[in-house]
Amino acid sequence: MRFVLCAACFGWIAWPALAGDVGVPPPSPAAQAWTQTLNWTWVAERALYLLLPLGLLLSGWSARLGATFERCAGGRRYVALILFASTLLLISAVLRLPLNAVRHLAYPGKFPDSLGQWWAGQAEALVLPLACIALLLWIPYWLMRRSPRRWWLWLAIVAAPLSFAALVLQPAWMAFSTNGYEPLKDEALSAEIRGMAGQCGVPDIHVVVGGGDTTVVGLGPTNRVILASDLLKTETPAQIRFTVAHELKHYVMGDNWKAWAIIVLFVLSAFCFAHMAGRFAIARWGVWMGFSRLDDVRSLPLLILCVTLFWIAITPVFLTYDRHIEREADRFGLELSRENDAAAQLFASWVGPTELAEPGWFARTTRGSHPSTAERIRMAQSYRPWATGESLQYATICR
């Protein structure tokens, strides 16, 4: 589970644990207001992502800025490209500050970060994108020059090993950003995890503790289960058993390999769309925009606009698949742990001032990476094929 929140940290009142009959908690006014805030700020943020590059293109400022950065870079086009992209990122970050501030101020109860920490978080969020710009942005433009018609295909081929390396190194990056991990010291829990993993044909599983989330990260030799540092305090033994069983599905069935394939497929599809849409836009409005080739530094806002449009369009499809993966992880966790009541109680405990059990179609379509809490509660209550002698869906995976 990627979004386990500690109720005690926010002063929430835990939903009562009703063995065998956990109802769906009713929506609170605070959670409804918070969901509405997230809905309209999501729309405003996506509008900003589209209007900024579109405005630069329509006003001619894309061409003027590109030419200015080329002069500043002394004709070195990749330096100019990095300067242009970094400037656009900073402008976007500044324009998004009011929306981030609204989310900060509208957060129900006390926001977990102080104002100083919030500002530090805004600055820290720019570090990785700026590093990616400096290290990677030259690649598509170099490929455009070398292969104007098939550059998007070559880019996907290049993205495959790069994204693989990023996923392999993900645990190291997360350890750095969360002040490191430590081995699981609870011997009883460690033995139970090894026992469940052994049932699924994984005799040796790497489990560490650290951070605020229970998840599976890494790929290949670095694949590991990370348990939230406060897991033993916020969940009962039965709930921990289900949580670990849920994560074992991601580990055993290689869901991070699927994530890698999705990344490569996204790069292929998004930049193929950018290639076709970009060529069309240049043919129709190139004189107005001030450039005639997609590999021109001044085309950067057009490339950003095309990729952003594609990402917004496929977000509902991607999230639908993500919810399917998480729903199956719940099913897997229930079959392996048989902790239905504990799972239902755990899901119900998450509903509070920041979460609705049924968030509505818009929140689900635009941000729902997991099934709704209400759906997960109902599944935990009703999915008991072993009780009626039905076959288990993952019987061939875990015995």
Protein backbone atom coordinates (compact mmCIF):
# COMPACT_ATOMS: atom_id res chain seq x y z
CA MET A 1 0.00 0.00 0.00
CA ARG A 2 1.46 3.32 -1.06
CA PHE A 3 -0.72 5.69 0.93
CA VAL A 4 -0.98 4.34 4.48
CA LEU A 5 -1.48 7.34 6.77
CA CYS A 6 -0.93 7.41 10.50
CA ALA A 7 -4.17 8.46 12.17
CA ALA A 8 -2.44 9.39 15.39
CA CYS A 9 -0.19 11.85 13.57
CA PHE A 10 -3.18 13.95 12.56
CA GLY A 11 -5.30 13.50 15.63
CA TRP A 12 -7.91 11.41 13.83
CA ILE A 13 -10.41 9.27 15.68
CA ALA A 14 -10.03 5.69 14.52
CA TRP A 15 -13.10 4.08 13.01
CA PRO A 16 -14.28 1.40 15.41
CA ALA A 17 -13.13 -2.14 14.66
CA LEU A 18 -16.29 -4.17 14.20
CA ALA A 19 -15.27 -7.78 13.76
CA GLY A 20 -16.97 -9.35 10.78
CA ASP A 21 -19.09 -6.28 9.96
CA VAL A 22 -17.17 -3.11 9.10
CA GLY A 23 -19.40 -0.44 7.63
CA VAL A 24 -18.30 2.22 5.18
CA PRO A 25 -17.61 5.38 7.20
CA PRO A 26 -19.84 8.33 6.25
CA PRO A 27 -18.22 11.35 4.55
CA SER A 28 -17.15 14.21 6.74
CA PRO A 29 -17.69 17.85 5.65
CA ALA A 30 -13.93 18.46 5.98
CA ALA A 31 -13.08 15.55 3.67
CA GLN A 32 -15.69 16.69 1.13
CA ALA A 33 -14.29 20.23 1.13
CA TRP A 34 -10.72 18.92 0.84
CA THR A 35 -11.64 16.70 -2.11
CA GLN A 36 -13.27 19.66 -3.86
CA THR A 37 -10.12 21.71 -3.28
CA LEU A 38 -7.99 18.98 -4.82
CA ASN A 39 -10.40 18.72 -7.75
CA TRP A 40 -10.33 22.37 -8.79
CA THR A 41 -6.61 22.82 -8.11
CA TRP A 42 -5.96 19.76 -10.29
CA VAL A 43 -7.90 21.40 -13.13
CA ALA A 44 -6.13 24.73 -12.60
CA GLU A 45 -2.71 23.08 -12.53
CA ARG A 46 -3.31 21.15 -15.76
CA ALA A 47 -4.64 24.31 -17.41
CA LEU A 48 -1.40 26.02 -16.39
CA TYR A 49 0.68 23.19 -17.84
CA LEU A 50 -1.10 23.69 -21.17
CA LEU A 51 -1.52 27.47 -21.25
CA LEU A 52 2.10 28.33 -20.44
CA PRO A 53 3.64 26.66 -23.52
CA LEU A 54 0.63 27.55 -25.66
CA GLY A 55 0.90 31.21 -24.66
CA LEU A 56 4.62 31.26 -25.47
CA LEU A 57 3.94 29.78 -28.90
CA LEU A 58 1.02 32.04 -29.82
CA SER A 59 2.73 35.20 -28.60
CA GLY A 60 6.00 34.51 -30.37
CA TRP A 61 7.88 34.53 -27.09
CA SER A 62 9.00 30.94 -27.64
CA ALA A 63 11.06 32.05 -30.65
CA ARG A 64 12.37 35.17 -28.92
CA LEU A 65 13.39 33.33 -25.75
CA GLY A 66 14.98 30.51 -27.74
CA ALA A 67 17.02 32.98 -29.76
CA THR A 68 18.04 34.84 -26.59
CA PHE A 69 19.27 31.67 -24.90
CA GLU A 70 21.16 30.66 -28.03
CA ARG A 71 23.01 33.99 -27.92
CA CYS A 72 23.67 33.59 -24.20
CA ALA A 73 25.04 30.10 -24.83
CA GLY A 74 27.34 31.32 -27.58
CA GLY A 75 25.65 29.16 -30.21
CA ARG A 76 25.91 25.95 -28.19
CA ARG A 77 22.43 24.63 -28.84
CA TYR A 78 22.28 22.07 -26.04
CA VAL A 79 23.37 24.63 -23.46
CA ALA A 80 20.69 26.95 -24.82
CA LEU A 81 18.18 24.12 -24.59
CA ILE A 82 19.03 23.45 -20.95
CA LEU A 83 18.77 27.16 -20.11
CA PHE A 84 15.41 27.43 -21.90
CA ALA A 85 13.96 24.32 -20.24
CA SER A 86 15.21 25.32 -16.79
CA THR A 87 13.66 28.76 -17.17
CA LEU A 88 10.32 27.27 -18.20
CA LEU A 89 10.43 24.91 -15.22
CA LEU A 90 11.10 27.79 -12.81
CA ILE A 91 8.35 29.95 -14.35
CA SER A 92 5.92 27.05 -14.04
CA ALA A 93 6.96 26.47 -10.42
CA VAL A 94 6.39 30.14 -9.56
CA LEU A 95 2.97 30.15 -11.25
CA ARG A 96 2.01 26.99 -9.35
CA LEU A 97 2.94 28.46 -5.96
CA PRO A 98 -0.54 29.97 -5.33
CA LEU A 99 -2.16 26.59 -6.00
CA ASN A 100 0.30 24.83 -3.71
CA ALA A 101 -0.33 27.49 -1.07
CA VAL A 102 -4.09 26.97 -1.35
CA ARG A 103 -3.61 23.24 -0.79
CA HIS A 104 -1.33 23.99 2.15
CA LEU A 105 -3.78 26.40 3.78
CA ALA A 106 -6.90 24.35 3.00
CA TYR A 107 -5.51 21.12 4.45
CA PRO A 108 -7.96 19.91 7.15
CA GLY A 109 -6.55 20.41 10.61
CA LYS A 110 -2.89 21.23 10.99
CA PHE A 111 -0.72 20.78 7.93
CA PRO A 112 2.12 18.34 8.68
CA ASP A 113 4.80 20.79 7.52
CA SER A 114 5.68 24.19 8.92
CA LEU A 115 5.81 27.15 6.54
CA GLY A 116 9.61 26.91 6.38
CA GLN A 117 9.42 23.20 5.60
CA TRP A 118 6.83 23.94 2.94
CA TRP A 119 9.12 26.43 1.20
CA ALA A 120 12.00 23.95 1.46
CA GLY A 121 9.76 21.29 -0.07
CA GLN A 122 8.90 23.57 -2.99
CA ALA A 123 12.59 24.12 -3.67
CA GLU A 124 13.50 20.46 -3.18
CA ALA A 125 10.84 19.42 -5.71
CA LEU A 126 12.83 21.26 -8.40
CA VAL A 127 16.11 19.42 -7.84
CA LEU A 128 15.29 16.18 -9.66
CA PRO A 129 13.56 17.84 -12.68
CA LEU A 130 16.49 20.25 -13.09
CA ALA A 131 18.93 17.33 -12.94
CA CYS A 132 16.92 15.43 -15.57
CA ILE A 133 16.90 18.50 -17.81
CA ALA A 134 20.66 18.85 -17.55
CA LEU A 135 21.38 15.16 -18.07
CA LEU A 136 18.69 13.94 -20.45
CA LEU A 137 17.00 16.70 -22.46
CA TRP A 138 19.72 16.78 -25.10
CA ILE A 139 18.91 13.18 -26.11
CA PRO A 140 15.60 13.74 -27.97
CA TYR A 141 16.96 16.83 -29.74
CA TRP A 142 20.11 14.99 -30.80
CA LEU A 143 17.98 12.13 -32.10
CA MET A 144 15.73 14.57 -33.98
CA ARG A 145 18.78 15.84 -35.84
CA ARG A 146 20.14 12.40 -36.61
CA SER A 147 16.80 10.76 -37.51
CA PRO A 148 14.06 13.36 -38.17
CA ARG A 149 11.42 10.73 -39.04
CA ARG A 150 12.17 7.97 -36.51
CA TRP A 151 13.64 9.87 -33.58
CA TRP A 152 10.68 8.97 -31.32
CA LEU A 153 11.31 5.25 -31.90
CA TRP A 154 15.00 5.59 -31.11
CA LEU A 155 14.11 7.63 -28.03
CA ALA A 156 11.97 4.75 -26.71
CA ILE A 157 14.85 2.36 -27.33
CA VAL A 158 17.19 4.65 -25.39
CA ALA A 159 14.57 5.10 -22.63
CA ALA A 160 14.41 1.34 -21.98
CA PRO A 161 17.87 0.95 -20.38
CA LEU A 162 17.74 4.40 -18.76
CA SER A 163 14.41 3.73 -17.04
CA PHE A 164 15.61 0.26 -16.08
CA ALA A 165 18.66 1.78 -14.41
CA ALA A 166 16.47 4.38 -12.65
CA LEU A 167 14.22 1.66 -11.21
CA VAL A 168 17.20 -0.44 -10.16
CA LEU A 169 18.68 2.59 -8.37
CA GLN A 170 15.34 3.67 -6.88
CA PRO A 171 16.00 2.07 -3.46
CA ALA A 172 19.30 3.92 -3.14
CA TRP A 173 17.65 7.23 -4.02
CA MET A 174 14.80 6.63 -1.57
CA ALA A 175 17.26 5.67 1.16
CA PHE A 176 19.12 8.93 0.57
CA SER A 177 15.94 11.03 0.58
CA THR A 178 14.51 9.36 3.72
CA ASN A 179 17.73 9.19 5.76
CA GLY A 180 18.25 5.53 5.04
CA TYR A 181 16.62 2.23 5.89
CA GLU A 182 17.38 -0.37 8.50
CA PRO A 183 16.84 -4.14 8.65
CA LEU A 184 13.62 -5.48 10.14
CA LYS A 185 14.46 -6.18 13.77
CA ASP A 186 11.17 -7.80 14.80
CA GLU A 187 12.11 -11.47 14.54
CA ALA A 188 8.53 -12.75 14.78
CA LEU A 189 7.33 -10.46 11.99
CA SER A 190 10.41 -11.26 9.92
CA ALA A 191 9.74 -15.00 10.26
CA GLU A 192 6.08 -14.50 9.32
CA ILE A 193 7.02 -12.51 6.21
CA ARG A 194 9.54 -15.17 5.16
CA GLY A 195 6.87 -17.82 5.73
CA MET A 196 4.34 -16.07 3.49
CA ALA A 197 6.98 -15.39 0.84
CA GLY A 198 7.98 -19.06 1.00
CA GLN A 199 4.38 -20.04 0.26
CA CYS A 200 4.74 -18.04 -2.96
CA GLY A 201 8.02 -19.63 -4.00
CA VAL A 202 10.28 -16.83 -2.74
CA PRO A 203 12.63 -18.39 -0.17
CA ASP A 204 14.74 -15.25 0.28
CA ILE A 205 13.03 -11.86 0.39
CA HIS A 206 14.69 -8.54 1.16
CA VAL A 207 12.69 -6.49 3.69
CA VAL A 208 13.78 -3.17 5.19
CA VAL A 209 12.14 -0.56 7.42
CA GLY A 210 12.08 3.19 6.88
CA GLY A 211 10.09 6.13 5.58
CA GLY A 212 6.38 6.72 5.88
CA ASP A 213 5.04 4.21 3.39
CA THR A 214 4.84 0.46 2.92
CA THR A 215 5.67 -0.41 -0.67
CA VAL A 216 7.81 -2.44 -3.06
CA VAL A 217 10.65 -0.67 -4.85
CA GLY A 218 13.56 -1.59 -7.06
CA LEU A 219 13.95 -3.96 -9.94
CA GLY A 220 15.85 -7.19 -10.35
CA PRO A 221 18.63 -7.43 -7.76
CA THR A 222 17.42 -4.37 -5.84
CA ASN A 223 13.75 -5.40 -5.59
CA ARG A 224 12.68 -5.17 -1.95
CA VAL A 225 9.76 -4.63 0.39
CA ILE A 226 9.89 -1.45 2.45
CA LEU A 227 7.82 -1.35 5.63
CA ALA A 228 6.76 2.02 7.00
CA SER A 229 8.81 2.90 10.06
CA ASP A 230 5.66 3.30 12.20
CA LEU A 231 3.88 0.21 10.88
CA LEU A 232 4.11 -1.69 14.18
CA LYS A 233 2.48 1.26 15.96
CA THR A 234 -0.35 1.99 13.54
CA GLU A 235 -1.49 -1.49 12.55
CA THR A 236 -2.47 -4.58 14.49
CA PRO A 237 -0.58 -7.86 13.87
CA ALA A 238 -3.46 -9.10 11.70
CA GLN A 239 -3.47 -5.87 9.68
CA ILE A 240 0.30 -6.07 9.22
CA ARG A 241 -0.11 -9.60 7.95
CA PHE A 242 -2.57 -8.41 5.31
CA THR A 243 -0.45 -5.37 4.42
CA VAL A 244 2.62 -7.51 3.86
CA ALA A 245 0.58 -10.06 1.87
CA HIS A 246 -0.71 -7.21 -0.32
CA GLU A 247 2.84 -6.02 -1.01
CA LEU A 248 4.01 -9.57 -1.70
CA LYS A 249 1.74 -9.58 -4.75
CA HIS A 250 3.72 -6.65 -6.21
CA TYR A 251 6.97 -8.41 -5.30
CA VAL A 252 6.11 -11.95 -6.40
CA MET A 253 4.31 -11.05 -9.62
CA GLY A 254 6.84 -8.49 -10.79
CA ASP A 255 4.61 -5.43 -10.87
CA ASN A 256 7.67 -3.17 -11.04
CA TRP A 257 8.62 -4.91 -14.30
CA LYS A 258 5.19 -3.92 -15.59
CA ALA A 259 5.88 -0.36 -14.48
CA TRP A 260 9.10 -0.41 -16.50
CA ALA A 261 7.23 -1.62 -19.59
CA ILE A 262 4.62 1.12 -19.11
CA ILE A 263 7.34 3.78 -18.92
CA VAL A 264 8.88 2.63 -22.20
CA LEU A 265 5.46 2.39 -23.85
CA PHE A 266 4.60 5.90 -22.65
CA VAL A 267 7.82 7.35 -24.08
CA LEU A 268 7.16 5.60 -27.40
CA SER A 269 3.52 6.73 -27.62
CA ALA A 270 3.90 10.26 -26.22
CA PHE A 271 6.81 11.24 -28.42
CA CYS A 272 5.29 9.57 -31.49
CA PHE A 273 2.28 11.81 -30.88
CA ALA A 274 4.60 14.79 -30.35
CA HIS A 275 6.34 14.00 -33.64
CA MET A 276 3.10 13.86 -35.63
CA ALA A 277 1.35 16.76 -33.89
CA GLY A 278 4.51 18.86 -33.92
CA ARG A 279 5.08 18.38 -37.64
CA PHE A 280 1.43 19.28 -38.30
CA ALA A 281 1.64 22.42 -36.14
CA ILE A 282 4.86 23.57 -37.80
CA ALA A 283 3.42 23.02 -41.27
CA ARG A 284 0.35 25.10 -40.39
CA TRP A 285 1.70 27.75 -38.04
CA GLY A 286 5.50 27.53 -38.24
CA VAL A 287 5.94 31.04 -39.67
CA TRP A 288 3.76 32.47 -36.92
CA MET A 289 5.58 30.52 -34.17
CA GLY A 290 9.01 31.50 -35.51
CA PHE A 291 10.61 28.13 -36.26
CA SER A 292 10.40 25.57 -39.07
CA ARG A 293 11.91 22.44 -37.52
CA LEU A 294 11.00 20.37 -34.48
CA ASP A 295 14.67 20.02 -33.54
CA ASP A 296 15.00 23.81 -33.20
CA VAL A 297 15.63 24.96 -29.62
CA ARG A 298 12.68 27.34 -30.02
CA SER A 299 10.32 24.38 -30.48
CA LEU A 300 10.65 23.30 -26.83
CA PRO A 301 7.26 24.73 -25.70
CA LEU A 302 5.61 22.91 -28.62
CA LEU A 303 7.19 19.62 -27.58
CA ILE A 304 6.13 20.22 -23.96
CA LEU A 305 2.58 21.07 -25.06
CA CYS A 306 2.25 17.89 -27.14
CA VAL A 307 3.59 15.56 -24.44
CA THR A 308 1.44 17.25 -21.76
CA LEU A 309 -1.69 16.90 -23.90
CA PHE A 310 -0.95 13.23 -24.42
CA TRP A 311 -0.32 12.63 -20.72
CA ILE A 312 -3.55 14.33 -19.65
CA ALA A 313 -5.50 12.34 -22.25
CA ILE A 314 -4.18 8.94 -21.15
CA THR A 315 -4.20 9.60 -17.40
CA PRO A 316 -7.65 7.98 -16.92
CA VAL A 317 -6.51 4.87 -18.81
CA PHE A 318 -3.30 4.63 -16.81
CA LEU A 319 -5.13 5.06 -13.51
CA THR A 320 -7.71 2.45 -14.47
CA TYR A 321 -4.91 -0.06 -14.98
CA ASP A 322 -3.23 1.06 -11.75
CA ARG A 323 -6.46 0.48 -9.83
CA HIS A 324 -6.70 -2.99 -11.37
CA ILE A 325 -3.18 -3.81 -10.15
CA GLU A 326 -4.01 -2.62 -6.63
CA ARG A 327 -7.36 -4.40 -6.59
CA GLU A 328 -5.62 -7.64 -7.48
CA ALA A 329 -3.03 -6.99 -4.79
CA ASP A 330 -5.89 -6.76 -2.29
CA ARG A 331 -7.31 -10.04 -3.61
CA PHE A 332 -3.88 -11.66 -3.41
CA GLY A 333 -3.41 -10.33 0.13
CA LEU A 334 -6.77 -11.69 1.26
CA GLU A 335 -6.13 -15.12 -0.24
CA LEU A 336 -2.68 -15.33 1.33
CA SER A 337 -3.47 -13.88 4.77
CA ARG A 338 -7.22 -14.67 5.18
CA GLU A 339 -7.36 -11.51 7.31
CA ASN A 340 -10.61 -10.13 5.90
CA ASP A 341 -11.86 -8.39 9.03
CA ALA A 342 -8.47 -6.85 9.77
CA ALA A 343 -8.19 -5.56 6.20
CA ALA A 344 -11.67 -4.02 6.32
CA GLN A 345 -10.91 -2.36 9.66
CA LEU A 346 -7.62 -1.04 8.27
CA PHE A 347 -9.28 0.48 5.20
CA ALA A 348 -12.03 2.05 7.31
CA SER A 349 -9.44 3.63 9.63
CA TRP A 350 -8.05 5.68 6.74
CA VAL A 351 -11.30 7.60 6.24
CA GLY A 352 -11.00 10.95 8.00
CA PRO A 353 -10.65 14.67 7.36
CA THR A 354 -8.51 14.12 4.25
CA GLU A 355 -10.14 11.11 2.61
CA LEU A 356 -13.57 10.14 1.44
CA ALA A 357 -14.60 6.52 1.27
CA GLU A 358 -16.29 7.34 -2.07
CA PRO A 359 -14.42 10.31 -3.56
CA GLY A 360 -16.57 10.70 -6.69
CA TRP A 361 -15.98 10.04 -10.37
CA PHE A 362 -13.77 13.08 -11.03
CA ALA A 363 -11.31 12.35 -8.23
CA ARG A 364 -11.29 8.69 -9.20
CA THR A 365 -10.69 9.45 -12.89
CA THR A 366 -7.96 12.05 -12.39
CA ARG A 367 -6.17 10.92 -9.23
CA GLY A 368 -7.41 7.49 -8.19
CA SER A 369 -4.41 5.17 -8.29
CA HIS A 370 -6.18 2.74 -5.91
CA PRO A 371 -9.78 1.51 -5.68
CA SER A 372 -11.93 3.67 -3.45
CA THR A 373 -11.77 2.89 0.24
CA ALA A 374 -15.43 1.88 0.16
CA GLU A 375 -14.74 -0.60 -2.64
CA ARG A 376 -11.80 -2.04 -0.72
CA ILE A 377 -13.88 -2.41 2.45
CA ARG A 378 -16.64 -4.19 0.54
CA MET A 379 -14.15 -6.50 -1.15
CA ALA A 380 -12.52 -7.35 2.18
CA GLN A 381 -15.95 -8.16 3.62
CA SER A 382 -17.20 -10.26 0.73
CA TYR A 383 -14.21 -11.99 -0.87
CA ARG A 384 -13.94 -15.36 0.88
CA PRO A 385 -13.83 -18.07 -1.81
CA TRP A 386 -12.18 -20.52 0.59
CA ALA A 387 -15.28 -20.38 2.80
CA THR A 388 -17.48 -21.76 0.01
CA GLY A 389 -14.99 -24.16 -1.53
CA GLU A 390 -14.39 -22.02 -4.62
CA SER A 391 -10.96 -22.05 -6.26
CA LEU A 392 -8.55 -19.27 -5.37
CA GLN A 393 -7.44 -16.99 -8.16
CA TYR A 394 -3.81 -17.14 -7.06
CA ALA A 395 -3.75 -20.76 -5.96
CA THR A 396 -1.06 -21.58 -8.52
CA ILE A 397 1.13 -18.71 -7.31
CA CYS A 398 0.97 -19.24 -3.55
CA ARG A 399 0.22 -22.56 -1.90
